[in-house]
Every structure is written in structure tokens, then in C-alpha cells.
PDB file of N, CA and C in Angstrom:
ATOM      1  N   ASP A   1     -21.692  14.427 -21.197  1.00  0.00           N
ATOM      2  CA  ASP A   1     -22.686  14.971 -20.337  1.00  0.00           C
ATOM      3  C   ASP A   1     -21.913  16.081 -19.488  1.00  0.00           C
ATOM      4  N   GLY A   2     -21.167  15.668 -19.279  1.00  0.00           N
ATOM      5  CA  GLY A   2     -20.288  16.897 -18.445  1.00  0.00           C
ATOM      6  C   GLY A   2     -19.385  16.384 -16.871  1.00  0.00           C
ATOM      7  N   GLN A   3     -20.613  14.908 -16.513  1.00  0.00           N
ATOM      8  CA  GLN A   3     -20.397  13.961 -15.563  1.00  0.00           C
ATOM      9  C   GLN A   3     -19.329  13.410 -15.061  1.00  0.00           C
ATOM     10  N   GLU A   4     -18.441  13.290 -14.097  1.00  0.00           N
ATOM     11  CA  GLU A   4     -16.874  12.653 -14.179  1.00  0.00           C
ATOM     12  C   GLU A   4     -18.407  11.404 -13.372  1.00  0.00           C
ATOM     13  N   ARG A   5     -16.953  10.315 -13.603  1.00  0.00           N
ATOM     14  CA  ARG A   5     -17.834   9.251 -14.014  1.00  0.00           C
ATOM     15  C   ARG A   5     -16.249   8.072 -12.690  1.00  0.00           C
ATOM     16  N   ARG A   6     -16.956   7.036 -11.567  1.00  0.00           N
ATOM     17  CA  ARG A   6     -16.333   6.563 -11.237  1.00  0.00           C
ATOM     18  C   ARG A   6     -15.732   5.492 -11.679  1.00  0.00           C
ATOM     19  N   ASN A   7     -14.340   5.053 -11.903  1.00  0.00           N
ATOM     20  CA  ASN A   7     -14.205   3.759 -12.903  1.00  0.00           C
ATOM     21  C   ASN A   7     -14.182   2.876 -11.162  1.00  0.00           C
ATOM     22  N   GLU A   8     -14.681   1.505 -11.744  1.00  0.00           N
ATOM     23  CA  GLU A   8     -14.752   0.922 -10.346  1.00  0.00           C
ATOM     24  C   GLU A   8     -13.601   0.058 -10.606  1.00  0.00           C
ATOM     25  N   ASP A   9     -12.908  -0.509 -12.089  1.00  0.00           N
ATOM     26  CA  ASP A   9     -11.811  -0.987 -12.479  1.00  0.00           C
ATOM     27  C   ASP A   9     -10.552  -0.253 -12.144  1.00  0.00           C
ATOM     28  N   ALA A  10     -10.791   1.092 -11.318  1.00  0.00           N
ATOM     29  CA  ALA A  10      -9.369   2.020 -11.589  1.00  0.00           C
ATOM     30  C   ALA A  10      -8.285   1.280 -10.416  1.00  0.00           C
ATOM     31  N   PRO A  11      -7.235   1.271 -10.691  1.00  0.00           N
ATOM     32  CA  PRO A  11      -6.442   0.943  -9.788  1.00  0.00           C
ATOM     33  C   PRO A  11      -6.461   0.741  -8.132  1.00  0.00           C
ATOM     34  N   GLU A  12      -6.839   1.849  -7.642  1.00  0.00           N
ATOM     35  CA  GLU A  12      -6.732   2.223  -6.305  1.00  0.00           C
ATOM     36  C   GLU A  12      -7.729   1.683  -5.751  1.00  0.00           C
ATOM     37  N   ASN A  13      -8.953   1.255  -6.857  1.00  0.00           N
ATOM     38  CA  ASN A  13      -9.945   0.501  -6.267  1.00  0.00           C
ATOM     39  C   ASN A  13     -10.215  -0.429  -6.480  1.00  0.00           C
ATOM     40  N   ASN A  14      -8.712  -1.492  -7.200  1.00  0.00           N
ATOM     41  CA  ASN A  14      -8.513  -3.352  -6.935  1.00  0.00           C
ATOM     42  C   ASN A  14      -7.346  -3.243  -6.410  1.00  0.00           C
ATOM     43  N   PRO A  15      -7.630  -4.561  -5.166  1.00  0.00           N
ATOM     44  CA  PRO A  15      -6.676  -4.893  -4.334  1.00  0.00           C
ATOM     45  C   PRO A  15      -5.641  -5.240  -4.724  1.00  0.00           C
ATOM     46  N   GLN A  16      -6.391  -6.127  -6.392  1.00  0.00           N
ATOM     47  CA  GLN A  16      -4.491  -6.426  -6.931  1.00  0.00           C
ATOM     48  C   GLN A  16      -3.355  -5.489  -6.875  1.00  0.00           C
ATOM     49  N   TYR A  17      -3.941  -4.128  -7.134  1.00  0.00           N
ATOM     50  CA  TYR A  17      -3.067  -2.726  -7.322  1.00  0.00           C
ATOM     51  C   TYR A  17      -2.834  -2.053  -5.959  1.00  0.00           C
ATOM     52  N   THR A  18      -3.366  -2.478  -4.792  1.00  0.00           N
ATOM     53  CA  THR A  18      -3.198  -2.501  -3.439  1.00  0.00           C
ATOM     54  C   THR A  18      -2.364  -2.468  -2.749  1.00  0.00           C
ATOM     55  N   THR A  19      -1.705  -3.569  -3.159  1.00  0.00           N
ATOM     56  CA  THR A  19      -1.270  -5.340  -2.254  1.00  0.00           C
ATOM     57  C   THR A  19       0.176  -5.199  -2.346  1.00  0.00           C
ATOM     58  N   VAL A  20       1.319  -4.547  -1.595  1.00  0.00           N
ATOM     59  CA  VAL A  20       2.597  -4.743  -2.175  1.00  0.00           C
ATOM     60  C   VAL A  20       3.645  -6.058  -1.259  1.00  0.00           C
ATOM     61  N   TYR A  21       4.199  -6.716  -1.232  1.00  0.00           N
ATOM     62  CA  TYR A  21       5.273  -8.332  -0.867  1.00  0.00           C
ATOM     63  C   TYR A  21       6.338  -7.565  -1.111  1.00  0.00           C
ATOM     64  N   VAL A  22       6.719  -7.417   0.686  1.00  0.00           N
ATOM     65  CA  VAL A  22       7.949  -7.109   0.535  1.00  0.00           C
ATOM     66  C   VAL A  22       8.449  -7.938   1.009  1.00  0.00           C
ATOM     67  N   GLY A  23       9.510  -8.871   0.878  1.00  0.00           N
ATOM     68  CA  GLY A  23      10.176 -10.933   1.026  1.00  0.00           C
ATOM     69  C   GLY A  23      11.819  -9.825   1.459  1.00  0.00           C
ATOM     70  N   ASN A  24      12.300 -11.191   2.193  1.00  0.00           N
ATOM     71  CA  ASN A  24      13.636 -10.580   2.712  1.00  0.00           C
ATOM     72  C   ASN A  24      14.343 -10.160   3.450  1.00  0.00           C
ATOM     73  N   LEU A  25      13.206  -9.634   4.491  1.00  0.00           N
ATOM     74  CA  LEU A  25      13.816  -8.496   5.751  1.00  0.00           C
ATOM     75  C   LEU A  25      14.284  -8.804   6.753  1.00  0.00           C
ATOM     76  N   ALA A  26      14.794  -8.768   7.504  1.00  0.00           N
ATOM     77  CA  ALA A  26      15.541  -9.175   8.873  1.00  0.00           C
ATOM     78  C   ALA A  26      14.806  -9.295   9.484  1.00  0.00           C
ATOM     79  N   PRO A  27      14.675  -9.912  10.507  1.00  0.00           N
ATOM     80  CA  PRO A  27      13.784 -10.666  11.868  1.00  0.00           C
ATOM     81  C   PRO A  27      13.674  -9.704  12.706  1.00  0.00           C
ATOM     82  N   GLU A  28      14.276  -8.239  12.931  1.00  0.00           N
ATOM     83  CA  GLU A  28      14.131  -7.486  14.052  1.00  0.00           C
ATOM     84  C   GLU A  28      13.377  -5.756  13.050  1.00  0.00           C
ATOM     85  N   VAL A  29      12.833  -6.129  12.046  1.00  0.00           N
ATOM     86  CA  VAL A  29      12.495  -5.001  11.034  1.00  0.00           C
ATOM     87  C   VAL A  29      10.923  -5.240  11.598  1.00  0.00           C
ATOM     88  N   THR A  30      10.357  -4.565  12.256  1.00  0.00           N
ATOM     89  CA  THR A  30       9.046  -4.160  12.541  1.00  0.00           C
ATOM     90  C   THR A  30       7.630  -3.362  11.337  1.00  0.00           C
ATOM     91  N   SER A  31       6.704  -3.716  12.142  1.00  0.00           N
ATOM     92  CA  SER A  31       5.623  -3.011  11.029  1.00  0.00           C
ATOM     93  C   SER A  31       5.975  -1.480  11.360  1.00  0.00           C
ATOM     94  N   VAL A  32       6.058  -0.817  12.225  1.00  0.00           N
ATOM     95  CA  VAL A  32       6.468   0.676  12.999  1.00  0.00           C
ATOM     96  C   VAL A  32       7.970   1.026  11.295  1.00  0.00           C
ATOM     97  N   ASP A  33       8.659   0.394  11.564  1.00  0.00           N
ATOM     98  CA  ASP A  33       9.587   0.815  10.798  1.00  0.00           C
ATOM     99  C   ASP A  33       9.623   0.107   8.730  1.00  0.00           C
ATOM    100  N   LEU A  34       8.058  -0.704   8.410  1.00  0.00           N
ATOM    101  CA  LEU A  34       7.949  -0.415   7.364  1.00  0.00           C
ATOM    102  C   LEU A  34       7.008   1.346   6.850  1.00  0.00           C
ATOM    103  N   HIS A  35       6.092   1.191   7.794  1.00  0.00           N
ATOM    104  CA  HIS A  35       5.239   2.597   7.665  1.00  0.00           C
ATOM    105  C   HIS A  35       6.223   3.501   7.716  1.00  0.00           C
ATOM    106  N   ARG A  36       7.032   3.766   8.569  1.00  0.00           N
ATOM    107  CA  ARG A  36       8.289   5.023   7.826  1.00  0.00           C
ATOM    108  C   ARG A  36       8.872   4.478   6.696  1.00  0.00           C
ATOM    109  N   LEU A  37       9.491   3.672   6.644  1.00  0.00           N
ATOM    110  CA  LEU A  37       9.805   4.142   5.521  1.00  0.00           C
ATOM    111  C   LEU A  37       8.955   4.105   4.502  1.00  0.00           C
ATOM    112  N   PHE A  38       7.714   2.973   3.887  1.00  0.00           N
ATOM    113  CA  PHE A  38       6.739   3.587   3.185  1.00  0.00           C
ATOM    114  C   PHE A  38       6.480   5.074   2.680  1.00  0.00           C
ATOM    115  N   HIS A  39       6.156   5.755   4.248  1.00  0.00           N
ATOM    116  CA  HIS A  39       5.815   7.446   4.831  1.00  0.00           C
ATOM    117  C   HIS A  39       6.703   7.658   4.267  1.00  0.00           C
ATOM    118  N   ALA A  40       8.292   8.265   4.176  1.00  0.00           N
ATOM    119  CA  ALA A  40       9.401   8.452   3.971  1.00  0.00           C
ATOM    120  C   ALA A  40       9.027   9.195   1.982  1.00  0.00           C
ATOM    121  N   LEU A  41       8.925   7.585   1.463  1.00  0.00           N
ATOM    122  CA  LEU A  41       9.011   7.495  -0.103  1.00  0.00           C
ATOM    123  C   LEU A  41       7.551   8.599  -0.523  1.00  0.00           C
ATOM    124  N   GLY A  42       6.129   8.840   0.424  1.00  0.00           N
ATOM    125  CA  GLY A  42       5.460   9.396  -0.009  1.00  0.00           C
ATOM    126  C   GLY A  42       4.543   8.506  -0.891  1.00  0.00           C
ATOM    127  N   VAL A  43       4.553   7.081  -0.596  1.00  0.00           N
ATOM    128  CA  VAL A  43       2.986   6.783  -1.053  1.00  0.00           C
ATOM    129  C   VAL A  43       1.733   6.633  -0.654  1.00  0.00           C
ATOM    130  N   GLY A  44       1.680   7.231   0.536  1.00  0.00           N
ATOM    131  CA  GLY A  44       0.164   7.317   0.652  1.00  0.00           C
ATOM    132  C   GLY A  44       0.268   6.873   2.263  1.00  0.00           C
ATOM    133  N   VAL A  45      -1.151   6.176   2.367  1.00  0.00           N
ATOM    134  CA  VAL A  45      -1.510   5.115   3.721  1.00  0.00           C
ATOM    135  C   VAL A  45      -1.480   3.729   3.092  1.00  0.00           C
ATOM    136  N   ILE A  46      -0.948   3.427   4.786  1.00  0.00           N
ATOM    137  CA  ILE A  46      -0.922   1.872   4.573  1.00  0.00           C
ATOM    138  C   ILE A  46      -1.619   1.458   5.674  1.00  0.00           C
ATOM    139  N   GLU A  47      -2.953   0.871   4.846  1.00  0.00           N
ATOM    140  CA  GLU A  47      -4.050   0.253   5.504  1.00  0.00           C
ATOM    141  C   GLU A  47      -3.708  -0.936   6.700  1.00  0.00           C
ATOM    142  N   ASP A  48      -2.694  -2.227   6.386  1.00  0.00           N
ATOM    143  CA  ASP A  48      -1.929  -2.879   7.306  1.00  0.00           C
ATOM    144  C   ASP A  48      -1.074  -3.518   6.557  1.00  0.00           C
ATOM    145  N   VAL A  49      -0.390  -4.061   7.379  1.00  0.00           N
ATOM    146  CA  VAL A  49       0.814  -4.631   7.626  1.00  0.00           C
ATOM    147  C   VAL A  49       1.014  -5.610   8.322  1.00  0.00           C
ATOM    148  N   ARG A  50       1.631  -6.832   7.712  1.00  0.00           N
ATOM    149  CA  ARG A  50       1.486  -8.118   8.362  1.00  0.00           C
ATOM    150  C   ARG A  50       2.233  -8.964   7.600  1.00  0.00           C
ATOM    151  N   ILE A  51       3.633  -8.955   8.967  1.00  0.00           N
ATOM    152  CA  ILE A  51       4.824 -10.013   8.735  1.00  0.00           C
ATOM    153  C   ILE A  51       4.515 -10.872   9.324  1.00  0.00           C
ATOM    154  N   LYS A  52       5.275 -12.126   8.645  1.00  0.00           N
ATOM    155  CA  LYS A  52       5.191 -13.660   8.814  1.00  0.00           C
ATOM    156  C   LYS A  52       6.174 -13.755   9.122  1.00  0.00           C
TER     157      LYS A  52
END
């Protein structure tokens, strides 16, 4: 039919594929540090950073 269809199961629409765990960070690492690092890698927009 020539129409582009959206795939609701595509990785970019599925939180399972859009969440990254980064462990063993030094205590002084901040969310700004992580934003800068991932931006430098060209991974796209980071919506949320949680440091525990």
C-alpha cells in the first residue's frame, strides 16, 4: 500500500532496549560526567540518569 508503518515493538520504542546500566563507577562520577561521555560517543539523547 506504499504507506510506512510504525512498529511499536521496534527497539527505539521499547524501554528494554533503551536502558543502560553502568556499574563500578567511582564515587565522584556525576550525571554530568555520564552525559558528556555518552554525548561524545554519539549515542543520542539521554533522558534520565540515576546514580545510586
